[in-house]
PDB file of N, CA and C in Angstrom:
ATOM      1  N   MET A   1     -79.114  27.278-136.285  1.00  0.00           N
ATOM      2  CA  MET A   1     -77.694  27.594-136.395  1.00  0.00           C
ATOM      3  C   MET A   1     -76.874  26.300-136.516  1.00  0.00           C
ATOM      4  N   GLY A   2     -77.304  25.235-135.824  1.00  0.00           N
ATOM      5  CA  GLY A   2     -76.598  23.977-135.892  1.00  0.00           C
ATOM      6  C   GLY A   2     -75.283  23.942-135.122  1.00  0.00           C
ATOM      7  N   ILE A   3     -75.148  24.759-134.089  1.00  0.00           N
ATOM      8  CA  ILE A   3     -73.922  24.793-133.304  1.00  0.00           C
ATOM      9  C   ILE A   3     -73.804  23.516-132.498  1.00  0.00           C
ATOM     10  N   GLU A   4     -72.648  22.864-132.587  1.00  0.00           N
ATOM     11  CA  GLU A   4     -72.368  21.643-131.843  1.00  0.00           C
ATOM     12  C   GLU A   4     -71.185  21.874-130.915  1.00  0.00           C
ATOM     13  N   LEU A   5     -71.431  21.751-129.623  1.00  0.00           N
ATOM     14  CA  LEU A   5     -70.397  21.944-128.622  1.00  0.00           C
ATOM     15  C   LEU A   5     -69.461  20.717-128.634  1.00  0.00           C
ATOM     16  N   ILE A   6     -68.170  20.945-128.807  1.00  0.00           N
ATOM     17  CA  ILE A   6     -67.177  19.867-128.852  1.00  0.00           C
ATOM     18  C   ILE A   6     -66.537  19.664-127.481  1.00  0.00           C
ATOM     19  N   SER A   7     -66.108  20.739-126.854  1.00  0.00           N
ATOM     20  CA  SER A   7     -65.498  20.633-125.505  1.00  0.00           C
ATOM     21  C   SER A   7     -65.677  21.955-124.789  1.00  0.00           C
ATOM     22  N   ALA A   8     -65.698  21.872-123.457  1.00  0.00           N
ATOM     23  CA  ALA A   8     -65.856  23.068-122.661  1.00  0.00           C
ATOM     24  C   ALA A   8     -65.226  22.848-121.289  1.00  0.00           C
ATOM     25  N   ASP A   9     -64.264  23.689-120.963  1.00  0.00           N
ATOM     26  CA  ASP A   9     -63.661  23.711-119.631  1.00  0.00           C
ATOM     27  C   ASP A   9     -63.196  25.125-119.331  1.00  0.00           C
ATOM     28  N   ARG A  10     -62.553  25.313-118.195  1.00  0.00           N
ATOM     29  CA  ARG A  10     -62.154  26.652-117.797  1.00  0.00           C
ATOM     30  C   ARG A  10     -61.046  27.241-118.700  1.00  0.00           C
ATOM     31  N   GLU A  11     -60.339  26.384-119.408  1.00  0.00           N
ATOM     32  CA  GLU A  11     -59.250  26.842-120.280  1.00  0.00           C
ATOM     33  C   GLU A  11     -59.733  27.296-121.647  1.00  0.00           C
ATOM     34  N   ARG A  12     -60.689  26.533-122.227  1.00  0.00           N
ATOM     35  CA  ARG A  12     -61.174  26.855-123.564  1.00  0.00           C
ATOM     36  C   ARG A  12     -62.514  26.190-123.818  1.00  0.00           C
ATOM     37  N   VAL A  13     -63.236  26.735-124.789  1.00  0.00           N
ATOM     38  CA  VAL A  13     -64.501  26.175-125.232  1.00  0.00           C
ATOM     39  C   VAL A  13     -64.439  26.078-126.746  1.00  0.00           C
ATOM     40  N   VAL A  14     -64.826  24.919-127.297  1.00  0.00           N
ATOM     41  CA  VAL A  14     -64.738  24.679-128.741  1.00  0.00           C
ATOM     42  C   VAL A  14     -66.092  24.178-129.249  1.00  0.00           C
ATOM     43  N   ALA A  15     -66.507  24.694-130.409  1.00  0.00           N
ATOM     44  CA  ALA A  15     -67.735  24.239-131.054  1.00  0.00           C
ATOM     45  C   ALA A  15     -67.600  24.388-132.573  1.00  0.00           C
ATOM     46  N   THR A  16     -68.454  23.671-133.301  1.00  0.00           N
ATOM     47  CA  THR A  16     -68.517  23.796-134.737  1.00  0.00           C
ATOM     48  C   THR A  16     -69.905  24.269-135.160  1.00  0.00           C
ATOM     49  N   MET A  17     -69.968  24.791-136.374  1.00  0.00           N
ATOM     50  CA  MET A  17     -71.244  25.256-136.938  1.00  0.00           C
ATOM     51  C   MET A  17     -71.191  25.030-138.447  1.00  0.00           C
ATOM     52  N   PRO A  18     -72.246  24.497-139.050  1.00  0.00           N
ATOM     53  CA  PRO A  18     -72.254  24.323-140.500  1.00  0.00           C
ATOM     54  C   PRO A  18     -72.382  25.676-141.204  1.00  0.00           C
ATOM     55  N   VAL A  19     -71.750  25.773-142.351  1.00  0.00           N
ATOM     56  CA  VAL A  19     -71.919  26.987-143.177  1.00  0.00           C
ATOM     57  C   VAL A  19     -73.304  26.928-143.819  1.00  0.00           C
ATOM     58  N   GLU A  20     -73.674  25.783-144.346  1.00  0.00           N
ATOM     59  CA  GLU A  20     -74.975  25.629-144.992  1.00  0.00           C
ATOM     60  C   GLU A  20     -76.096  25.967-144.008  1.00  0.00           C
ATOM     61  N   GLY A  21     -77.028  26.782-144.450  1.00  0.00           N
ATOM     62  CA  GLY A  21     -78.124  27.214-143.617  1.00  0.00           C
ATOM     63  C   GLY A  21     -77.814  28.479-142.840  1.00  0.00           C
ATOM     64  N   ASN A  22     -76.557  28.919-142.879  1.00  0.00           N
ATOM     65  CA  ASN A  22     -76.130  30.125-142.158  1.00  0.00           C
ATOM     66  C   ASN A  22     -75.471  31.120-143.102  1.00  0.00           C
ATOM     67  N   THR A  23     -75.943  31.163-144.342  1.00  0.00           N
ATOM     68  CA  THR A  23     -75.343  32.048-145.342  1.00  0.00           C
ATOM     69  C   THR A  23     -76.216  33.265-145.623  1.00  0.00           C
ATOM     70  N   GLN A  24     -75.583  34.287-146.186  1.00  0.00           N
ATOM     71  CA  GLN A  24     -76.318  35.441-146.665  1.00  0.00           C
ATOM     72  C   GLN A  24     -76.691  35.159-148.127  1.00  0.00           C
ATOM     73  N   PRO A  25     -77.453  36.052-148.791  1.00  0.00           N
ATOM     74  CA  PRO A  25     -77.957  35.765-150.140  1.00  0.00           C
ATOM     75  C   PRO A  25     -76.902  35.411-151.179  1.00  0.00           C
ATOM     76  N   PHE A  26     -75.635  35.794-150.975  1.00  0.00           N
ATOM     77  CA  PHE A  26     -74.589  35.487-151.955  1.00  0.00           C
ATOM     78  C   PHE A  26     -73.891  34.162-151.703  1.00  0.00           C
ATOM     79  N   GLY A  27     -74.391  33.377-150.724  1.00  0.00           N
ATOM     80  CA  GLY A  27     -73.834  32.062-150.453  1.00  0.00           C
ATOM     81  C   GLY A  27     -72.642  32.043-149.517  1.00  0.00           C
ATOM     82  N   LEU A  28     -72.332  33.198-148.916  1.00  0.00           N
ATOM     83  CA  LEU A  28     -71.203  33.275-147.994  1.00  0.00           C
ATOM     84  C   LEU A  28     -71.717  33.167-146.559  1.00  0.00           C
ATOM     85  N   LEU A  29     -70.900  32.619-145.674  1.00  0.00           N
ATOM     86  CA  LEU A  29     -71.270  32.565-144.254  1.00  0.00           C
ATOM     87  C   LEU A  29     -71.653  33.972-143.788  1.00  0.00           C
ATOM     88  N   HIS A  30     -72.820  34.094-143.219  1.00  0.00           N
ATOM     89  CA  HIS A  30     -73.316  35.410-142.746  1.00  0.00           C
ATOM     90  C   HIS A  30     -72.480  35.850-141.553  1.00  0.00           C
ATOM     91  N   GLY A  31     -72.060  37.119-141.558  1.00  0.00           N
ATOM     92  CA  GLY A  31     -71.275  37.656-140.447  1.00  0.00           C
ATOM     93  C   GLY A  31     -72.038  37.562-139.128  1.00  0.00           C
ATOM     94  N   GLY A  32     -73.345  37.678-139.187  1.00  0.00           N
ATOM     95  CA  GLY A  32     -74.154  37.544-137.987  1.00  0.00           C
ATOM     96  C   GLY A  32     -74.105  36.134-137.406  1.00  0.00           C
ATOM     97  N   ALA A  33     -73.965  35.131-138.288  1.00  0.00           N
ATOM     98  CA  ALA A  33     -73.832  33.732-137.807  1.00  0.00           C
ATOM     99  C   ALA A  33     -72.514  33.564-137.067  1.00  0.00           C
ATOM    100  N   SER A  34     -71.453  34.159-137.600  1.00  0.00           N
ATOM    101  CA  SER A  34     -70.170  34.132-136.882  1.00  0.00           C
ATOM    102  C   SER A  34     -70.301  34.799-135.524  1.00  0.00           C
ATOM    103  N   ALA A  35     -71.043  35.909-135.475  1.00  0.00           N
ATOM    104  CA  ALA A  35     -71.238  36.633-134.214  1.00  0.00           C
ATOM    105  C   ALA A  35     -72.026  35.778-133.209  1.00  0.00           C
ATOM    106  N   VAL A  36     -73.037  35.065-133.701  1.00  0.00           N
ATOM    107  CA  VAL A  36     -73.819  34.166-132.811  1.00  0.00           C
ATOM    108  C   VAL A  36     -72.908  33.076-132.249  1.00  0.00           C
ATOM    109  N   LEU A  37     -72.087  32.474-133.103  1.00  0.00           N
ATOM    110  CA  LEU A  37     -71.163  31.435-132.641  1.00  0.00           C
ATOM    111  C   LEU A  37     -70.218  32.013-131.605  1.00  0.00           C
ATOM    112  N   ALA A  38     -69.646  33.173-131.895  1.00  0.00           N
ATOM    113  CA  ALA A  38     -68.694  33.809-130.984  1.00  0.00           C
ATOM    114  C   ALA A  38     -69.338  34.116-129.629  1.00  0.00           C
ATOM    115  N   GLU A  39     -70.511  34.749-129.654  1.00  0.00           N
ATOM    116  CA  GLU A  39     -71.130  35.107-128.380  1.00  0.00           C
ATOM    117  C   GLU A  39     -71.567  33.874-127.602  1.00  0.00           C
ATOM    118  N   SER A  40     -72.003  32.832-128.304  1.00  0.00           N
ATOM    119  CA  SER A  40     -72.354  31.594-127.629  1.00  0.00           C
ATOM    120  C   SER A  40     -71.159  30.991-126.914  1.00  0.00           C
ATOM    121  N   LEU A  41     -70.026  30.893-127.619  1.00  0.00           N
ATOM    122  CA  LEU A  41     -68.822  30.309-127.020  1.00  0.00           C
ATOM    123  C   LEU A  41     -68.321  31.147-125.850  1.00  0.00           C
ATOM    124  N   GLY A  42     -68.256  32.461-126.045  1.00  0.00           N
ATOM    125  CA  GLY A  42     -67.774  33.331-124.978  1.00  0.00           C
ATOM    126  C   GLY A  42     -68.668  33.313-123.756  1.00  0.00           C
ATOM    127  N   SER A  43     -69.976  33.228-123.956  1.00  0.00           N
ATOM    128  CA  SER A  43     -70.919  33.201-122.846  1.00  0.00           C
ATOM    129  C   SER A  43     -70.829  31.859-122.069  1.00  0.00           C
ATOM    130  N   ILE A  44     -70.704  30.785-122.802  1.00  0.00           N
ATOM    131  CA  ILE A  44     -70.496  29.474-122.141  1.00  0.00           C
ATOM    132  C   ILE A  44     -69.211  29.516-121.337  1.00  0.00           C
ATOM    133  N   HIS A  45     -68.170  30.033-121.955  1.00  0.00           N
ATOM    134  CA  HIS A  45     -66.853  30.109-121.295  1.00  0.00           C
ATOM    135  C   HIS A  45     -66.948  30.951-120.027  1.00  0.00           C
ATOM    136  N   GLY A  46     -67.548  32.124-120.137  1.00  0.00           N
ATOM    137  CA  GLY A  46     -67.699  32.989-118.969  1.00  0.00           C
ATOM    138  C   GLY A  46     -68.442  32.314-117.838  1.00  0.00           C
ATOM    139  N   THR A  47     -69.479  31.556-118.180  1.00  0.00           N
ATOM    140  CA  THR A  47     -70.259  30.850-117.164  1.00  0.00           C
ATOM    141  C   THR A  47     -69.396  29.856-116.407  1.00  0.00           C
ATOM    142  N   LEU A  48     -68.459  29.217-117.119  1.00  0.00           N
ATOM    143  CA  LEU A  48     -67.570  28.236-116.475  1.00  0.00           C
ATOM    144  C   LEU A  48     -66.548  28.892-115.558  1.00  0.00           C
ATOM    145  N   LEU A  49     -66.325  30.184-115.730  1.00  0.00           N
ATOM    146  CA  LEU A  49     -65.274  30.888-114.983  1.00  0.00           C
ATOM    147  C   LEU A  49     -65.760  31.567-113.713  1.00  0.00           C
ATOM    148  N   VAL A  50     -67.062  31.758-113.568  1.00  0.00           N
ATOM    149  CA  VAL A  50     -67.586  32.525-112.434  1.00  0.00           C
ATOM    150  C   VAL A  50     -68.141  31.590-111.360  1.00  0.00           C
ATOM    151  N   ALA A  51     -68.383  32.154-110.193  1.00  0.00           N
ATOM    152  CA  ALA A  51     -68.947  31.385-109.062  1.00  0.00           C
ATOM    153  C   ALA A  51     -70.355  30.919-109.404  1.00  0.00           C
ATOM    154  N   PRO A  52     -70.799  29.782-108.809  1.00  0.00           N
ATOM    155  CA  PRO A  52     -72.120  29.247-109.088  1.00  0.00           C
ATOM    156  C   PRO A  52     -73.274  30.211-108.817  1.00  0.00           C
ATOM    157  N   GLU A  53     -73.056  31.164-107.919  1.00  0.00           N
ATOM    158  CA  GLU A  53     -74.114  32.113-107.593  1.00  0.00           C
ATOM    159  C   GLU A  53     -74.093  33.333-108.508  1.00  0.00           C
ATOM    160  N   SER A  54     -73.323  33.265-109.603  1.00  0.00           N
ATOM    161  CA  SER A  54     -73.221  34.368-110.552  1.00  0.00           C
ATOM    162  C   SER A  54     -73.603  33.928-111.963  1.00  0.00           C
ATOM    163  N   VAL A  55     -73.977  34.903-112.777  1.00  0.00           N
ATOM    164  CA  VAL A  55     -74.226  34.686-114.197  1.00  0.00           C
ATOM    165  C   VAL A  55     -73.412  35.715-114.977  1.00  0.00           C
ATOM    166  N   VAL A  56     -73.199  35.467-116.255  1.00  0.00           N
ATOM    167  CA  VAL A  56     -72.519  36.434-117.105  1.00  0.00           C
ATOM    168  C   VAL A  56     -73.520  36.973-118.143  1.00  0.00           C
ATOM    169  N   VAL A  57     -73.372  38.249-118.445  1.00  0.00           N
ATOM    170  CA  VAL A  57     -74.232  38.918-119.416  1.00  0.00           C
ATOM    171  C   VAL A  57     -73.325  39.675-120.393  1.00  0.00           C
ATOM    172  N   GLY A  58     -73.448  39.358-121.680  1.00  0.00           N
ATOM    173  CA  GLY A  58     -72.625  40.028-122.677  1.00  0.00           C
ATOM    174  C   GLY A  58     -72.914  41.518-122.737  1.00  0.00           C
ATOM    175  N   ILE A  59     -71.861  42.330-122.698  1.00  0.00           N
ATOM    176  CA  ILE A  59     -72.052  43.795-122.787  1.00  0.00           C
ATOM    177  C   ILE A  59     -71.336  44.388-123.995  1.00  0.00           C
ATOM    178  N   ASP A  60     -70.404  43.635-124.609  1.00  0.00           N
ATOM    179  CA  ASP A  60     -69.735  44.135-125.801  1.00  0.00           C
ATOM    180  C   ASP A  60     -69.246  42.964-126.637  1.00  0.00           C
ATOM    181  N   LEU A  61     -69.548  42.972-127.912  1.00  0.00           N
ATOM    182  CA  LEU A  61     -69.069  41.959-128.853  1.00  0.00           C
ATOM    183  C   LEU A  61     -68.438  42.683-130.035  1.00  0.00           C
ATOM    184  N   ASN A  62     -67.205  42.369-130.345  1.00  0.00           N
ATOM    185  CA  ASN A  62     -66.473  42.951-131.473  1.00  0.00           C
ATOM    186  C   ASN A  62     -66.046  41.826-132.376  1.00  0.00           C
ATOM    187  N   CYS A  63     -66.411  41.884-133.665  1.00  0.00           N
ATOM    188  CA  CYS A  63     -66.048  40.836-134.615  1.00  0.00           C
ATOM    189  C   CYS A  63     -65.285  41.447-135.796  1.00  0.00           C
ATOM    190  N   THR A  64     -64.173  40.836-136.143  1.00  0.00           N
ATOM    191  CA  THR A  64     -63.451  41.204-137.349  1.00  0.00           C
ATOM    192  C   THR A  64     -63.494  39.992-138.289  1.00  0.00           C
ATOM    193  N   HIS A  65     -64.031  40.202-139.494  1.00  0.00           N
ATOM    194  CA  HIS A  65     -64.184  39.122-140.458  1.00  0.00           C
ATOM    195  C   HIS A  65     -62.979  39.136-141.400  1.00  0.00           C
ATOM    196  N   HIS A  66     -62.300  38.016-141.511  1.00  0.00           N
ATOM    197  CA  HIS A  66     -61.066  37.937-142.287  1.00  0.00           C
ATOM    198  C   HIS A  66     -61.269  37.374-143.689  1.00  0.00           C
ATOM    199  N   ARG A  67     -62.108  36.373-143.815  1.00  0.00           N
ATOM    200  CA  ARG A  67     -62.358  35.746-145.133  1.00  0.00           C
ATOM    201  C   ARG A  67     -63.723  35.090-145.089  1.00  0.00           C
ATOM    202  N   SER A  68     -64.239  34.773-146.263  1.00  0.00           N
ATOM    203  CA  SER A  68     -65.550  34.142-146.338  1.00  0.00           C
ATOM    204  C   SER A  68     -65.423  32.630-146.273  1.00  0.00           C
ATOM    205  N   ALA A  69     -66.503  31.976-145.896  1.00  0.00           N
ATOM    206  CA  ALA A  69     -66.606  30.517-145.958  1.00  0.00           C
ATOM    207  C   ALA A  69     -67.881  30.234-146.763  1.00  0.00           C
ATOM    208  N   THR A  70     -67.793  29.257-147.666  1.00  0.00           N
ATOM    209  CA  THR A  70     -68.936  28.957-148.540  1.00  0.00           C
ATOM    210  C   THR A  70     -69.479  27.560-148.374  1.00  0.00           C
ATOM    211  N   SER A  71     -68.736  26.699-147.700  1.00  0.00           N
ATOM    212  CA  SER A  71     -69.197  25.310-147.514  1.00  0.00           C
ATOM    213  C   SER A  71     -68.499  24.696-146.299  1.00  0.00           C
ATOM    214  N   GLY A  72     -68.941  23.514-145.960  1.00  0.00           N
ATOM    215  CA  GLY A  72     -68.320  22.796-144.838  1.00  0.00           C
ATOM    216  C   GLY A  72     -68.788  23.350-143.498  1.00  0.00           C
ATOM    217  N   HIS A  73     -67.829  23.378-142.571  1.00  0.00           N
ATOM    218  CA  HIS A  73     -68.111  23.856-141.211  1.00  0.00           C
ATOM    219  C   HIS A  73     -67.078  24.894-140.823  1.00  0.00           C
ATOM    220  N   VAL A  74     -67.432  25.689-139.843  1.00  0.00           N
ATOM    221  CA  VAL A  74     -66.440  26.553-139.184  1.00  0.00           C
ATOM    222  C   VAL A  74     -66.314  26.049-137.748  1.00  0.00           C
ATOM    223  N   ARG A  75     -65.137  26.266-137.177  1.00  0.00           N
ATOM    224  CA  ARG A  75     -64.856  25.845-135.798  1.00  0.00           C
ATOM    225  C   ARG A  75     -64.463  27.064-135.004  1.00  0.00           C
ATOM    226  N   GLY A  76     -65.089  27.241-133.863  1.00  0.00           N
ATOM    227  CA  GLY A  76     -64.768  28.348-132.990  1.00  0.00           C
ATOM    228  C   GLY A  76     -64.105  27.872-131.714  1.00  0.00           C
ATOM    229  N   GLU A  77     -63.128  28.649-131.225  1.00  0.00           N
ATOM    230  CA  GLU A  77     -62.440  28.335-129.991  1.00  0.00           C
ATOM    231  C   GLU A  77     -62.358  29.609-129.151  1.00  0.00           C
ATOM    232  N   SER A  78     -62.835  29.523-127.913  1.00  0.00           N
ATOM    233  CA  SER A  78     -62.808  30.651-126.986  1.00  0.00           C
ATOM    234  C   SER A  78     -61.651  30.486-126.014  1.00  0.00           C
ATOM    235  N   LEU A  79     -60.872  31.544-125.841  1.00  0.00           N
ATOM    236  CA  LEU A  79     -59.764  31.570-124.870  1.00  0.00           C
ATOM    237  C   LEU A  79     -59.959  32.767-123.942  1.00  0.00           C
ATOM    238  N   VAL A  80     -59.537  32.627-122.702  1.00  0.00           N
ATOM    239  CA  VAL A  80     -59.708  33.692-121.711  1.00  0.00           C
ATOM    240  C   VAL A  80     -58.673  34.786-121.926  1.00  0.00           C
ATOM    241  N   LEU A  81     -59.124  36.016-121.993  1.00  0.00           N
ATOM    242  CA  LEU A  81     -58.212  37.169-121.970  1.00  0.00           C
ATOM    243  C   LEU A  81     -58.063  37.690-120.558  1.00  0.00           C
ATOM    244  N   SER A  82     -59.191  37.801-119.835  1.00  0.00           N
ATOM    245  CA  SER A  82     -59.154  38.196-118.427  1.00  0.00           C
ATOM    246  C   SER A  82     -60.443  37.722-117.766  1.00  0.00           C
ATOM    247  N   ALA A  83     -60.322  37.366-116.496  1.00  0.00           N
ATOM    248  CA  ALA A  83     -61.482  36.931-115.725  1.00  0.00           C
ATOM    249  C   ALA A  83     -61.372  37.483-114.311  1.00  0.00           C
ATOM    250  N   GLY A  84     -62.178  38.486-114.028  1.00  0.00           N
ATOM    251  CA  GLY A  84     -62.156  39.100-112.704  1.00  0.00           C
ATOM    252  C   GLY A  84     -63.487  38.875-112.000  1.00  0.00           C
ATOM    253  N   ARG A  85     -63.666  39.575-110.881  1.00  0.00           N
ATOM    254  CA  ARG A  85     -64.894  39.416-110.108  1.00  0.00           C
ATOM    255  C   ARG A  85     -66.083  40.067-110.778  1.00  0.00           C
ATOM    256  N   THR A  86     -65.863  41.072-111.622  1.00  0.00           N
ATOM    257  CA  THR A  86     -66.990  41.805-112.219  1.00  0.00           C
ATOM    258  C   THR A  86     -67.056  41.733-113.748  1.00  0.00           C
ATOM    259  N   VAL A  87     -65.928  41.399-114.389  1.00  0.00           N
ATOM    260  CA  VAL A  87     -65.893  41.363-115.863  1.00  0.00           C
ATOM    261  C   VAL A  87     -65.083  40.153-116.323  1.00  0.00           C
ATOM    262  N   VAL A  88     -65.600  39.480-117.359  1.00  0.00           N
ATOM    263  CA  VAL A  88     -64.884  38.392-118.020  1.00  0.00           C
ATOM    264  C   VAL A  88     -64.737  38.761-119.484  1.00  0.00           C
ATOM    265  N   CYS A  89     -63.522  38.616-120.032  1.00  0.00           N
ATOM    266  CA  CYS A  89     -63.287  38.942-121.434  1.00  0.00           C
ATOM    267  C   CYS A  89     -62.662  37.726-122.126  1.00  0.00           C
ATOM    268  N   THR A  90     -63.251  37.310-123.246  1.00  0.00           N
ATOM    269  CA  THR A  90     -62.738  36.152-123.981  1.00  0.00           C
ATOM    270  C   THR A  90     -62.470  36.544-125.429  1.00  0.00           C
ATOM    271  N   GLU A  91     -61.529  35.830-126.055  1.00  0.00           N
ATOM    272  CA  GLU A  91     -61.272  35.994-127.476  1.00  0.00           C
ATOM    273  C   GLU A  91     -61.722  34.701-128.152  1.00  0.00           C
ATOM    274  N   ILE A  92     -62.469  34.864-129.247  1.00  0.00           N
ATOM    275  CA  ILE A  92     -62.979  33.718-129.966  1.00  0.00           C
ATOM    276  C   ILE A  92     -62.413  33.750-131.374  1.00  0.00           C
ATOM    277  N   ARG A  93     -61.755  32.667-131.751  1.00  0.00           N
ATOM    278  CA  ARG A  93     -61.186  32.540-133.088  1.00  0.00           C
ATOM    279  C   ARG A  93     -62.020  31.532-133.860  1.00  0.00           C
ATOM    280  N   ILE A  94     -62.476  31.933-135.036  1.00  0.00           N
ATOM    281  CA  ILE A  94     -63.286  31.082-135.884  1.00  0.00           C
ATOM    282  C   ILE A  94     -62.492  30.787-137.156  1.00  0.00           C
ATOM    283  N   VAL A  95     -62.357  29.486-137.486  1.00  0.00           N
ATOM    284  CA  VAL A  95     -61.580  29.075-138.659  1.00  0.00           C
ATOM    285  C   VAL A  95     -62.440  28.174-139.548  1.00  0.00           C
ATOM    286  N   ASP A  96     -62.044  28.050-140.824  1.00  0.00           N
ATOM    287  CA  ASP A  96     -62.755  27.169-141.750  1.00  0.00           C
ATOM    288  C   ASP A  96     -62.176  25.763-141.681  1.00  0.00           C
ATOM    289  N   ASP A  97     -62.665  24.873-142.556  1.00  0.00           N
ATOM    290  CA  ASP A  97     -62.210  23.474-142.564  1.00  0.00           C
ATOM    291  C   ASP A  97     -60.719  23.348-142.866  1.00  0.00           C
ATOM    292  N   ALA A  98     -60.145  24.340-143.536  1.00  0.00           N
ATOM    293  CA  ALA A  98     -58.710  24.341-143.846  1.00  0.00           C
ATOM    294  C   ALA A  98     -57.893  25.041-142.761  1.00  0.00           C
ATOM    295  N   ASP A  99     -58.524  25.365-141.653  1.00  0.00           N
ATOM    296  CA  ASP A  99     -57.888  26.012-140.509  1.00  0.00           C
ATOM    297  C   ASP A  99     -57.453  27.461-140.826  1.00  0.00           C
ATOM    298  N   ARG A 100     -58.095  28.072-141.822  1.00  0.00           N
ATOM    299  CA  ARG A 100     -57.817  29.463-142.160  1.00  0.00           C
ATOM    300  C   ARG A 100     -58.734  30.369-141.350  1.00  0.00           C
ATOM    301  N   PRO A 101     -58.238  31.512-140.861  1.00  0.00           N
ATOM    302  CA  PRO A 101     -59.079  32.379-140.052  1.00  0.00           C
ATOM    303  C   PRO A 101     -60.248  32.979-140.839  1.00  0.00           C
ATOM    304  N   VAL A 102     -61.436  32.865-140.272  1.00  0.00           N
ATOM    305  CA  VAL A 102     -62.658  33.421-140.842  1.00  0.00           C
ATOM    306  C   VAL A 102     -63.053  34.670-140.055  1.00  0.00           C
ATOM    307  N   CYS A 103     -62.939  34.606-138.727  1.00  0.00           N
ATOM    308  CA  CYS A 103     -63.377  35.712-137.879  1.00  0.00           C
ATOM    309  C   CYS A 103     -62.629  35.643-136.545  1.00  0.00           C
ATOM    310  N   THR A 104     -62.282  36.805-136.025  1.00  0.00           N
ATOM    311  CA  THR A 104     -61.757  36.915-134.664  1.00  0.00           C
ATOM    312  C   THR A 104     -62.696  37.841-133.899  1.00  0.00           C
ATOM    313  N   ALA A 105     -63.131  37.381-132.733  1.00  0.00           N
ATOM    314  CA  ALA A 105     -64.082  38.150-131.947  1.00  0.00           C
ATOM    315  C   ALA A 105     -63.593  38.310-130.518  1.00  0.00           C
ATOM    316  N   ARG A 106     -64.077  39.352-129.862  1.00  0.00           N
ATOM    317  CA  ARG A 106     -63.806  39.540-128.437  1.00  0.00           C
ATOM    318  C   ARG A 106     -65.131  39.816-127.769  1.00  0.00           C
ATOM    319  N   LEU A 107     -65.430  39.023-126.721  1.00  0.00           N
ATOM    320  CA  LEU A 107     -66.663  39.208-125.967  1.00  0.00           C
ATOM    321  C   LEU A 107     -66.340  39.640-124.552  1.00  0.00           C
ATOM    322  N   THR A 108     -66.954  40.737-124.120  1.00  0.00           N
ATOM    323  CA  THR A 108     -66.832  41.198-122.741  1.00  0.00           C
ATOM    324  C   THR A 108     -68.162  40.938-122.042  1.00  0.00           C
ATOM    325  N   CYS A 109     -68.105  40.278-120.907  1.00  0.00           N
ATOM    326  CA  CYS A 109     -69.306  39.950-120.148  1.00  0.00           C
ATOM    327  C   CYS A 109     -69.232  40.564-118.751  1.00  0.00           C
ATOM    328  N   LEU A 110     -70.345  41.056-118.292  1.00  0.00           N
ATOM    329  CA  LEU A 110     -70.485  41.551-116.927  1.00  0.00           C
ATOM    330  C   LEU A 110     -70.902  40.389-116.039  1.00  0.00           C
ATOM    331  N   VAL A 111     -70.274  40.252-114.881  1.00  0.00           N
ATOM    332  CA  VAL A 111     -70.623  39.187-113.920  1.00  0.00           C
ATOM    333  C   VAL A 111     -71.649  39.767-112.966  1.00  0.00           C
ATOM    334  N   ARG A 112     -72.799  39.092-112.858  1.00  0.00           N
ATOM    335  CA  ARG A 112     -73.895  39.561-112.012  1.00  0.00           C
ATOM    336  C   ARG A 112     -74.333  38.441-111.082  1.00  0.00           C
ATOM    337  N   PRO A 113     -74.891  38.793-109.914  1.00  0.00           N
ATOM    338  CA  PRO A 113     -75.437  37.755-109.032  1.00  0.00           C
ATOM    339  C   PRO A 113     -76.709  37.163-109.640  1.00  0.00           C
ATOM    340  N   VAL A 114     -76.937  35.878-109.366  1.00  0.00           N
ATOM    341  CA  VAL A 114     -78.183  35.244-109.826  1.00  0.00           C
ATOM    342  C   VAL A 114     -79.353  35.915-109.136  1.00  0.00           C
ATOM    343  N   ALA A 115     -80.377  36.255-109.896  1.00  0.00           N
ATOM    344  CA  ALA A 115     -81.573  36.867-109.319  1.00  0.00           C
ATOM    345  C   ALA A 115     -82.370  35.827-108.555  1.00  0.00           C
ATOM    346  N   ASN A 116     -82.896  36.194-107.419  1.00  0.00           N
ATOM    347  CA  ASN A 116     -83.696  35.252-106.602  1.00  0.00           C
ATOM    348  C   ASN A 116     -85.107  35.156-107.108  1.00  0.00           C
TER     349      ASN A 116
END
């Protein structure tokens, strides 16, 4: 996938991913690649928001694809929608090199205790 983490803190998580190598047969960024980027960012973000004795597990991912990307990189940014004791919800915005929206995703994660 070639995902490169740029920054990660409790406020936001940012990463980039190359379009090349992540395309469908018509040369467009594969929607599944956008979903992988979104779930990766949201899961990292959720992990930063919960107690050390907890983990997050994705239970729902919703992606809306706005436009295609054919070259360069896409950049994803995760922002917190809500963070409670049992559920964390993040919104991930993915844009192309021209800062145009490619995909908007929402990831809901269940907060679980670390298994012993």
